[in-house]
């Protein structure tokens, strides 16, 4: 009698496991079917997806330029008149640099190396890596004879202190 109950529980466990495997396979096939429908929908409607995306991008560019024409120009001039940007070249690359923004010293006077470009509270790079970068730039300028040896030693001393 005890042996018969154990056999029934083993059969029940096997049937539950087989049902779970069957349900898992049905869910897996349904998921694969949904993926096929999704990707075939993308392939079938790729032209319309491209058109709608192009219209959205064109519309956002139009709204941006309209905003810049109205009040953005004044905001841009206010930003460019900040004391941190006086005498600096500002470069903005969208696609070539994937939305990069660069502020550089004036190219007409390459001998000036400013050590206090940004207050330390808003500094983005480590002071030691910044010092190393400035020393490398200083050595490059000396090699190209853009600065004299005296200027090199003077700026190097100020950087290392």
C-alpha atoms as a PDB file:
ATOM      1  CA  UNK A   1       0.000   0.000   0.000  1.00  0.00           C
ATOM      2  CA  UNK A   2       2.838   2.393   0.854  1.00  0.00           C
ATOM      3  CA  UNK A   3       4.562   1.548  -2.412  1.00  0.00           C
ATOM      4  CA  UNK A   4       1.429   2.374  -4.428  1.00  0.00           C
ATOM      5  CA  UNK A   5       1.121   5.901  -2.881  1.00  0.00           C
ATOM      6  CA  UNK A   6       4.761   6.605  -3.687  1.00  0.00           C
ATOM      7  CA  UNK A   7       4.249   5.525  -7.310  1.00  0.00           C
ATOM      8  CA  UNK A   8       1.179   7.787  -7.615  1.00  0.00           C
ATOM      9  CA  UNK A   9       3.089  10.796  -6.231  1.00  0.00           C
ATOM     10  CA  UNK A  10       5.954  10.089  -8.662  1.00  0.00           C
ATOM     11  CA  UNK A  11       3.498   9.926 -11.550  1.00  0.00           C
ATOM     12  CA  UNK A  12       1.846  13.160 -10.360  1.00  0.00           C
ATOM     13  CA  UNK A  13       5.234  14.896 -10.130  1.00  0.00           C
ATOM     14  CA  UNK A  14       6.136  13.692 -13.610  1.00  0.00           C
ATOM     15  CA  UNK A  15       2.819  14.927 -15.031  1.00  0.00           C
ATOM     16  CA  UNK A  16       3.262  18.361 -13.390  1.00  0.00           C
ATOM     17  CA  UNK A  17       6.814  18.612 -14.751  1.00  0.00           C
ATOM     18  CA  UNK A  18       5.689  17.575 -18.240  1.00  0.00           C
ATOM     19  CA  UNK A  19       2.862  20.156 -18.113  1.00  0.00           C
ATOM     20  CA  UNK A  20       5.300  22.885 -17.037  1.00  0.00           C
ATOM     21  CA  UNK A  21       7.652  22.002 -19.897  1.00  0.00           C
ATOM     22  CA  UNK A  22       4.748  22.039 -22.352  1.00  0.00           C
ATOM     23  CA  UNK A  23       3.525  25.432 -21.077  1.00  0.00           C
ATOM     24  CA  UNK A  24       7.079  26.812 -21.282  1.00  0.00           C
ATOM     25  CA  UNK A  25       7.351  25.676 -24.905  1.00  0.00           C
ATOM     26  CA  UNK A  26       4.001  27.248 -25.796  1.00  0.00           C
ATOM     27  CA  UNK A  27       5.069  30.559 -24.191  1.00  0.00           C
ATOM     28  CA  UNK A  28       8.432  30.367 -25.981  1.00  0.00           C
ATOM     29  CA  UNK A  29       6.787  29.761 -29.371  1.00  0.00           C
ATOM     30  CA  UNK A  30       4.317  32.592 -28.732  1.00  0.00           C
ATOM     31  CA  UNK A  31       7.195  34.941 -27.880  1.00  0.00           C
ATOM     32  CA  UNK A  32       9.058  33.951 -31.037  1.00  0.00           C
ATOM     33  CA  UNK A  33       5.885  34.545 -33.053  1.00  0.00           C
ATOM     34  CA  UNK A  34       5.538  38.029 -31.552  1.00  0.00           C
ATOM     35  CA  UNK A  35       9.173  38.790 -32.378  1.00  0.00           C
ATOM     36  CA  UNK A  36       8.651  37.688 -35.981  1.00  0.00           C
ATOM     37  CA  UNK A  37       5.556  39.890 -36.256  1.00  0.00           C
ATOM     38  CA  UNK A  38       7.397  42.826 -34.683  1.00  0.00           C
ATOM     39  CA  UNK A  39      10.417  42.627 -36.971  1.00  0.00           C
ATOM     40  CA  UNK A  40       8.363  41.940 -40.068  1.00  0.00           C
ATOM     41  CA  UNK A  41       6.297  45.004 -39.165  1.00  0.00           C
ATOM     42  CA  UNK A  42       9.464  47.063 -38.930  1.00  0.00           C
ATOM     43  CA  UNK A  43      10.645  45.757 -42.302  1.00  0.00           C
ATOM     44  CA  UNK A  44       7.243  46.335 -43.930  1.00  0.00           C
ATOM     45  CA  UNK A  45       6.913  49.854 -42.537  1.00  0.00           C
ATOM     46  CA  UNK A  46      10.559  50.995 -42.633  1.00  0.00           C
ATOM     47  CA  UNK A  47       9.747  53.628 -45.272  1.00  0.00           C
ATOM     48  CA  UNK A  48       7.024  55.176 -43.090  1.00  0.00           C
ATOM     49  CA  UNK A  49       9.231  54.980 -40.016  1.00  0.00           C
ATOM     50  CA  UNK A  50      11.937  56.861 -41.936  1.00  0.00           C
ATOM     51  CA  UNK A  51       9.451  59.495 -43.167  1.00  0.00           C
ATOM     52  CA  UNK A  52       7.976  60.088 -39.692  1.00  0.00           C
ATOM     53  CA  UNK A  53      11.460  60.253 -38.143  1.00  0.00           C
ATOM     54  CA  UNK A  54      12.588  62.742 -40.786  1.00  0.00           C
ATOM     55  CA  UNK A  55       9.509  64.905 -40.197  1.00  0.00           C
ATOM     56  CA  UNK A  56      10.099  64.861 -36.427  1.00  0.00           C
ATOM     57  CA  UNK A  57      13.765  65.806 -36.819  1.00  0.00           C
ATOM     58  CA  UNK A  58      12.955  68.534 -39.367  1.00  0.00           C
ATOM     59  CA  UNK A  59      10.233  69.909 -37.107  1.00  0.00           C
ATOM     60  CA  UNK A  60      12.527  70.047 -34.103  1.00  0.00           C
ATOM     61  CA  UNK A  61      15.232  71.791 -36.159  1.00  0.00           C
ATOM     62  CA  UNK A  62      12.642  74.312 -37.393  1.00  0.00           C
ATOM     63  CA  UNK A  63      11.407  74.989 -33.846  1.00  0.00           C
ATOM     64  CA  UNK A  64      14.983  75.362 -32.610  1.00  0.00           C
ATOM     65  CA  UNK A  65      15.856  77.908 -35.294  1.00  0.00           C
ATOM     66  CA  UNK A  66      12.585  79.774 -34.726  1.00  0.00           C
ATOM     67  CA  UNK A  67      13.360  79.969 -31.004  1.00  0.00           C
ATOM     68  CA  UNK A  68      16.927  81.110 -31.696  1.00  0.00           C
ATOM     69  CA  UNK A  69      15.612  83.788 -34.064  1.00  0.00           C
ATOM     70  CA  UNK A  70      13.187  85.156 -31.465  1.00  0.00           C
ATOM     71  CA  UNK A  71      15.026  85.116 -28.158  1.00  0.00           C
ATOM     72  CA  UNK A  72      17.829  82.618 -28.452  1.00  0.00           C
ATOM     73  CA  UNK A  73      20.137  85.078 -30.168  1.00  0.00           C
ATOM     74  CA  UNK A  74      20.079  87.351 -27.144  1.00  0.00           C
ATOM     75  CA  UNK A  75      20.639  84.400 -24.820  1.00  0.00           C
ATOM     76  CA  UNK A  76      23.578  83.308 -26.979  1.00  0.00           C
ATOM     77  CA  UNK A  77      25.059  86.814 -26.854  1.00  0.00           C
ATOM     78  CA  UNK A  78      24.641  86.870 -23.058  1.00  0.00           C
ATOM     79  CA  UNK A  79      26.460  83.557 -22.789  1.00  0.00           C
ATOM     80  CA  UNK A  80      29.252  84.708 -25.082  1.00  0.00           C
ATOM     81  CA  UNK A  81      29.699  87.913 -23.040  1.00  0.00           C
ATOM     82  CA  UNK A  82      30.490  85.994 -19.848  1.00  0.00           C
ATOM     83  CA  UNK A  83      33.920  86.859 -18.439  1.00  0.00           C
ATOM     84  CA  UNK A  84      35.004  83.200 -18.613  1.00  0.00           C
ATOM     85  CA  UNK A  85      34.618  83.291 -22.405  1.00  0.00           C
ATOM     86  CA  UNK A  86      36.247  86.669 -23.122  1.00  0.00           C
ATOM     87  CA  UNK A  87      39.040  86.266 -25.675  1.00  0.00           C
ATOM     88  CA  UNK A  88      38.316  82.562 -26.173  1.00  0.00           C
ATOM     89  CA  UNK A  89      37.338  80.594 -29.237  1.00  0.00           C
ATOM     90  CA  UNK A  90      34.144  78.593 -28.823  1.00  0.00           C
ATOM     91  CA  UNK A  91      33.653  75.554 -31.041  1.00  0.00           C
ATOM     92  CA  UNK A  92      30.464  73.490 -31.226  1.00  0.00           C
ATOM     93  CA  UNK A  93      30.435  70.264 -33.286  1.00  0.00           C
ATOM     94  CA  UNK A  94      27.213  68.373 -33.704  1.00  0.00           C
ATOM     95  CA  UNK A  95      27.677  65.455 -36.067  1.00  0.00           C
ATOM     96  CA  UNK A  96      31.437  65.619 -36.614  1.00  0.00           C
ATOM     97  CA  UNK A  97      32.147  65.511 -32.898  1.00  0.00           C
ATOM     98  CA  UNK A  98      28.847  63.950 -31.854  1.00  0.00           C
ATOM     99  CA  UNK A  99      27.679  67.008 -29.914  1.00  0.00           C
ATOM    100  CA  UNK A 100      31.016  68.233 -28.580  1.00  0.00           C
ATOM    101  CA  UNK A 101      31.615  71.667 -27.095  1.00  0.00           C
ATOM    102  CA  UNK A 102      35.092  73.155 -26.844  1.00  0.00           C
ATOM    103  CA  UNK A 103      36.395  76.415 -25.384  1.00  0.00           C
ATOM    104  CA  UNK A 104      39.990  77.244 -26.352  1.00  0.00           C
ATOM    105  CA  UNK A 105      42.334  80.167 -25.862  1.00  0.00           C
ATOM    106  CA  UNK A 106      42.701  82.718 -28.639  1.00  0.00           C
ATOM    107  CA  UNK A 107      44.851  81.253 -31.424  1.00  0.00           C
ATOM    108  CA  UNK A 108      46.502  84.612 -32.167  1.00  0.00           C
ATOM    109  CA  UNK A 109      48.313  84.507 -28.806  1.00  0.00           C
ATOM    110  CA  UNK A 110      49.400  80.866 -28.244  1.00  0.00           C
ATOM    111  CA  UNK A 111      52.049  81.809 -25.677  1.00  0.00           C
ATOM    112  CA  UNK A 112      49.515  82.419 -22.936  1.00  0.00           C
ATOM    113  CA  UNK A 113      48.709  79.446 -20.758  1.00  0.00           C
ATOM    114  CA  UNK A 114      46.003  80.228 -18.268  1.00  0.00           C
ATOM    115  CA  UNK A 115      46.086  78.205 -15.095  1.00  0.00           C
ATOM    116  CA  UNK A 116      42.750  79.430 -13.695  1.00  0.00           C
ATOM    117  CA  UNK A 117      40.335  78.864 -16.574  1.00  0.00           C
ATOM    118  CA  UNK A 118      37.539  77.529 -14.389  1.00  0.00           C
ATOM    119  CA  UNK A 119      37.102  77.839 -10.629  1.00  0.00           C
ATOM    120  CA  UNK A 120      38.019  74.642  -8.810  1.00  0.00           C
ATOM    121  CA  UNK A 121      34.418  74.046  -7.691  1.00  0.00           C
ATOM    122  CA  UNK A 122      33.350  73.561 -11.325  1.00  0.00           C
ATOM    123  CA  UNK A 123      36.471  71.707 -12.455  1.00  0.00           C
ATOM    124  CA  UNK A 124      35.801  68.580 -14.461  1.00  0.00           C
ATOM    125  CA  UNK A 125      39.217  66.929 -14.562  1.00  0.00           C
ATOM    126  CA  UNK A 126      41.615  65.795 -11.885  1.00  0.00           C
ATOM    127  CA  UNK A 127      44.191  68.466 -10.901  1.00  0.00           C
ATOM    128  CA  UNK A 128      47.130  66.113 -11.442  1.00  0.00           C
ATOM    129  CA  UNK A 129      45.973  65.094 -14.930  1.00  0.00           C
ATOM    130  CA  UNK A 130      45.300  68.744 -15.742  1.00  0.00           C
ATOM    131  CA  UNK A 131      48.816  69.681 -14.622  1.00  0.00           C
ATOM    132  CA  UNK A 132      50.283  66.855 -16.713  1.00  0.00           C
ATOM    133  CA  UNK A 133      48.295  67.991 -19.761  1.00  0.00           C
ATOM    134  CA  UNK A 134      49.460  71.591 -19.319  1.00  0.00           C
ATOM    135  CA  UNK A 135      53.085  70.522 -18.884  1.00  0.00           C
ATOM    136  CA  UNK A 136      52.849  68.428 -22.051  1.00  0.00           C
ATOM    137  CA  UNK A 137      51.394  71.380 -23.942  1.00  0.00           C
ATOM    138  CA  UNK A 138      54.150  73.610 -22.553  1.00  0.00           C
ATOM    139  CA  UNK A 139      56.854  71.175 -23.736  1.00  0.00           C
ATOM    140  CA  UNK A 140      55.228  71.005 -27.175  1.00  0.00           C
ATOM    141  CA  UNK A 141      55.231  74.783 -27.401  1.00  0.00           C
ATOM    142  CA  UNK A 142      58.926  74.875 -26.454  1.00  0.00           C
ATOM    143  CA  UNK A 143      59.765  72.267 -29.121  1.00  0.00           C
ATOM    144  CA  UNK A 144      57.977  74.334 -31.775  1.00  0.00           C
ATOM    145  CA  UNK A 145      59.852  77.461 -30.601  1.00  0.00           C
ATOM    146  CA  UNK A 146      56.608  79.222 -29.698  1.00  0.00           C
ATOM    147  CA  UNK A 147      58.022  80.187 -26.306  1.00  0.00           C
ATOM    148  CA  UNK A 148      61.526  80.854 -25.013  1.00  0.00           C
ATOM    149  CA  UNK A 149      63.383  78.679 -22.539  1.00  0.00           C
ATOM    150  CA  UNK A 150      62.960  81.349 -19.852  1.00  0.00           C
ATOM    151  CA  UNK A 151      59.196  81.455 -20.389  1.00  0.00           C
ATOM    152  CA  UNK A 152      59.139  77.659 -20.291  1.00  0.00           C
ATOM    153  CA  UNK A 153      60.922  77.539 -16.910  1.00  0.00           C
ATOM    154  CA  UNK A 154      58.776  80.360 -15.514  1.00  0.00           C
ATOM    155  CA  UNK A 155      55.458  78.721 -16.455  1.00  0.00           C
ATOM    156  CA  UNK A 156      56.721  75.270 -15.425  1.00  0.00           C
ATOM    157  CA  UNK A 157      57.654  76.636 -12.004  1.00  0.00           C
ATOM    158  CA  UNK A 158      54.232  78.228 -11.576  1.00  0.00           C
ATOM    159  CA  UNK A 159      52.522  74.976 -12.619  1.00  0.00           C
ATOM    160  CA  UNK A 160      54.512  72.805 -10.246  1.00  0.00           C
ATOM    161  CA  UNK A 161      53.938  75.068  -7.239  1.00  0.00           C
END
